[in-house]
């Protein structure tokens, strides 16, 4: 199998991971009726895992970021903070966490759920 190579500091990757972090936090905060319990659990795991990896990577504002994410505060500061946290978390940690989200999404679709 061909190994994917992503350059360090890839802004596109940082932005995508940050968007997943914001979306996952919104699922946890709002508990939409069309998301299964497994989907909510996977979203919670992505948020927790990303913030834990970010802290291990030297990001120091995880508590403030968690509060902003779960409080639904959309702002340019939130964008900056999520990108910085995802960058600190690192590519390997984000990839592992995304795999959990993919598994939950597949299970959701298999149960008849949509996007």
Foldseek 3Di string as FASTA:
>chain_A
DDDDDDDQPDLVVLQVLLVLLLVLLVCLQPVDPLADPLLNVLSVCSNVLLLVLLVVLPQDCSVVLSCCSNVVPDDVVNSVSSSSSNSSSDDVSSVVSVVSNVVSVVVSVVVVGDD
